Protein backbone atom coordinates (compact mmCIF):
# COMPACT_ATOMS: atom_id res chain seq x y z
CA MET A 1 -37.75 8.09 24.92
CA ILE A 2 -35.29 9.45 27.71
CA CYS A 3 -33.61 12.73 27.09
CA ARG A 4 -31.06 14.05 29.00
CA GLU A 5 -28.32 17.29 29.02
CA PHE A 6 -25.10 17.60 30.95
CA GLU A 7 -22.64 20.22 31.47
CA TYR A 8 -19.25 19.78 32.72
CA PRO A 9 -16.20 22.15 33.16
CA SER A 10 -13.41 21.12 31.17
CA THR A 11 -11.39 19.51 33.82
CA PRO A 12 -10.16 15.86 34.29
CA ASP A 13 -12.18 15.34 37.21
CA SER A 14 -15.40 15.75 34.96
CA VAL A 15 -14.42 12.70 33.06
CA GLY A 16 -15.36 10.17 36.46
CA ALA A 17 -18.71 12.41 36.88
CA MET A 18 -19.55 12.12 33.11
CA LEU A 19 -19.48 8.59 33.01
CA ASP A 20 -20.99 7.93 36.65
CA GLU A 21 -24.07 10.04 35.11
CA LEU A 22 -24.07 8.56 31.55
CA THR A 23 -23.91 4.98 33.23
CA ALA A 24 -26.92 5.77 35.41
CA VAL A 25 -29.32 6.71 32.62
CA LEU A 26 -28.29 3.78 30.55
CA ASP A 27 -28.52 1.50 33.46
CA GLY A 28 -32.22 2.93 34.00
CA ALA A 29 -32.84 2.44 30.29
CA GLU A 30 -32.00 -1.37 30.53
CA VAL A 31 -28.89 -0.88 28.17
CA ASP A 32 -27.10 -4.28 27.68
CA ARG A 33 -23.93 -3.97 29.33
CA SER A 34 -21.76 -4.58 26.50
CA LEU A 35 -23.30 -1.62 24.43
CA THR A 36 -22.73 0.29 27.63
CA ARG A 37 -19.27 -0.19 27.60
CA ARG A 38 -18.82 0.44 24.13
CA MET A 39 -20.89 3.57 24.16
CA LEU A 40 -19.03 4.82 27.18
CA LEU A 41 -15.76 4.33 25.55
CA ALA A 42 -16.43 6.22 22.59
CA VAL A 43 -18.57 9.06 24.39
CA SER A 44 -15.05 9.19 26.86
CA GLU A 45 -12.84 9.56 23.87
CA ALA A 46 -14.96 12.39 22.38
CA PHE A 47 -15.48 14.15 25.99
CA THR A 48 -11.48 14.04 26.28
CA ASN A 49 -10.78 15.40 22.96
CA ALA A 50 -13.38 18.18 23.49
CA MET A 51 -11.61 18.97 26.93
CA VAL A 52 -8.26 18.65 25.82
CA HIS A 53 -8.17 20.03 22.12
CA GLY A 54 -11.42 22.03 22.10
CA ASN A 55 -11.99 23.64 25.48
CA GLN A 56 -7.83 23.38 26.06
CA LEU A 57 -8.45 22.31 29.87
CA GLN A 58 -10.19 25.74 30.17
CA PRO A 59 -12.38 25.19 33.35
CA GLN A 60 -14.57 27.81 32.63
CA GLU A 61 -15.43 26.44 29.22
CA PRO A 62 -18.15 24.06 29.50
CA ILE A 63 -18.51 20.69 27.49
CA LYS A 64 -22.07 19.57 26.90
CA ILE A 65 -23.51 16.37 26.36
CA ARG A 66 -27.06 15.48 25.10
CA LEU A 67 -28.06 11.90 25.82
CA ALA A 68 -31.23 10.62 23.78
CA VAL A 69 -32.01 6.86 24.24
CA ASN A 70 -35.09 5.09 22.63
CA GLU A 71 -35.89 1.30 22.03
CA THR A 72 -33.99 1.20 18.80
CA ASP A 73 -30.92 3.82 19.46
CA ILE A 74 -28.70 5.79 21.68
CA VAL A 75 -27.74 9.29 20.24
CA ALA A 76 -24.97 11.16 22.37
CA ASP A 77 -24.05 14.86 21.26
CA ILE A 78 -20.59 16.00 22.75
CA LEU A 79 -20.06 19.71 22.28
CA ASP A 80 -17.33 21.84 23.31
CA THR A 81 -16.88 25.61 22.89
CA GLY A 82 -13.12 25.73 21.15
CA LYS A 83 -12.55 26.90 17.53
CA GLY A 84 -11.26 24.74 14.45
CA GLY A 85 -12.02 21.67 15.84
CA LEU A 86 -13.68 20.44 12.67
CA ASP A 87 -10.76 21.35 10.48
CA ARG A 88 -8.43 19.67 12.96
CA ILE A 89 -10.77 16.26 12.19
CA LYS A 90 -10.36 16.99 8.46
CA ASN A 91 -6.83 17.43 8.16
CA LYS A 92 -6.31 14.31 10.85
CA LYS A 93 -3.30 12.19 9.61
CA PRO A 94 -4.20 8.31 10.45
CA ALA A 95 -2.60 6.87 13.39
CA THR A 96 0.23 4.59 13.10
CA SER A 97 1.43 1.95 15.74
CA GLU A 98 4.21 4.12 16.72
CA SER A 99 1.94 7.35 17.34
CA GLU A 100 1.62 8.44 21.30
CA SER A 101 -1.87 10.19 20.26
CA GLY A 102 -4.39 10.36 17.56
CA ARG A 103 -6.44 7.42 17.93
CA GLY A 104 -9.53 8.88 19.53
CA ILE A 105 -11.07 9.43 16.39
CA ASP A 106 -10.53 5.90 15.19
CA LEU A 107 -12.11 4.48 18.32
CA ILE A 108 -14.91 6.71 18.25
CA ARG A 109 -15.83 5.78 14.59
CA HIS A 110 -14.95 1.92 15.40
CA PHE A 111 -17.27 1.86 18.57
CA SER A 112 -20.26 3.63 17.28
CA ALA A 113 -22.76 2.87 14.42
CA SER A 114 -22.44 6.43 13.23
CA ALA A 115 -20.07 9.30 14.13
CA LYS A 116 -20.73 12.68 12.79
CA PHE A 117 -18.75 16.04 13.21
CA ALA A 118 -20.19 19.63 12.84
CA GLU A 119 -19.53 23.15 13.87
CA SER A 120 -21.93 24.03 16.65
CA SER A 121 -23.82 27.01 16.86
CA ASN A 122 -20.99 28.73 19.22
CA GLY A 123 -18.31 27.62 16.70
CA GLY A 124 -17.20 24.68 18.69
CA LEU A 125 -17.25 21.03 17.65
CA LYS A 126 -20.34 19.01 17.69
CA VAL A 127 -19.58 15.25 17.69
CA THR A 128 -22.90 13.08 17.49
CA LEU A 129 -22.57 9.37 18.13
CA THR A 130 -25.27 6.81 17.46
CA PHE A 131 -25.36 3.42 18.97
CA LEU A 132 -27.92 0.55 17.72
CA ARG A 133 -29.29 -1.45 20.58
CA ALA A 134 -30.44 -3.91 18.22
CA ASN A 135 -27.65 -6.64 17.28
CA ASN A 136 -25.72 -5.26 19.82
CA ASN A 137 -23.00 -7.90 20.03
CA THR A 138 -22.03 -7.29 16.47
CA LEU A 139 -19.13 -4.77 16.12
CA SER A 140 -19.36 -2.20 13.11
CA TYR A 141 -16.07 -1.98 10.79
CA LYS A 142 -15.79 1.10 8.95
């Protein structure tokens, strides 16, 4: 099993660094490219939400990612330090085709086998995403 933890400032420049580092770990674990793309899309959405909505683009507020990769699945935790994130998700209205935003949570749920949202120990939001390595050519529609 591979376990890594990363921490980034809440700045747009961090997105590229995060994607590069996660790609390197997934490549090293020989994760299928199709699964890697889906996983990076979902994690990128959660990361952007943490940066913009959770930490409100305050560079001093970190975003942490914990990544665990084994033979059967990949689990990514994305944690911010903002307050009220769980309530915002619970009260989220469904996105429509006319919506300018609000599709990130739907994409996260679509591309992951499981998406869980909880309050972290520091009061921020913890998003836990699970991706299955077996049957990774099949998308799950929830």
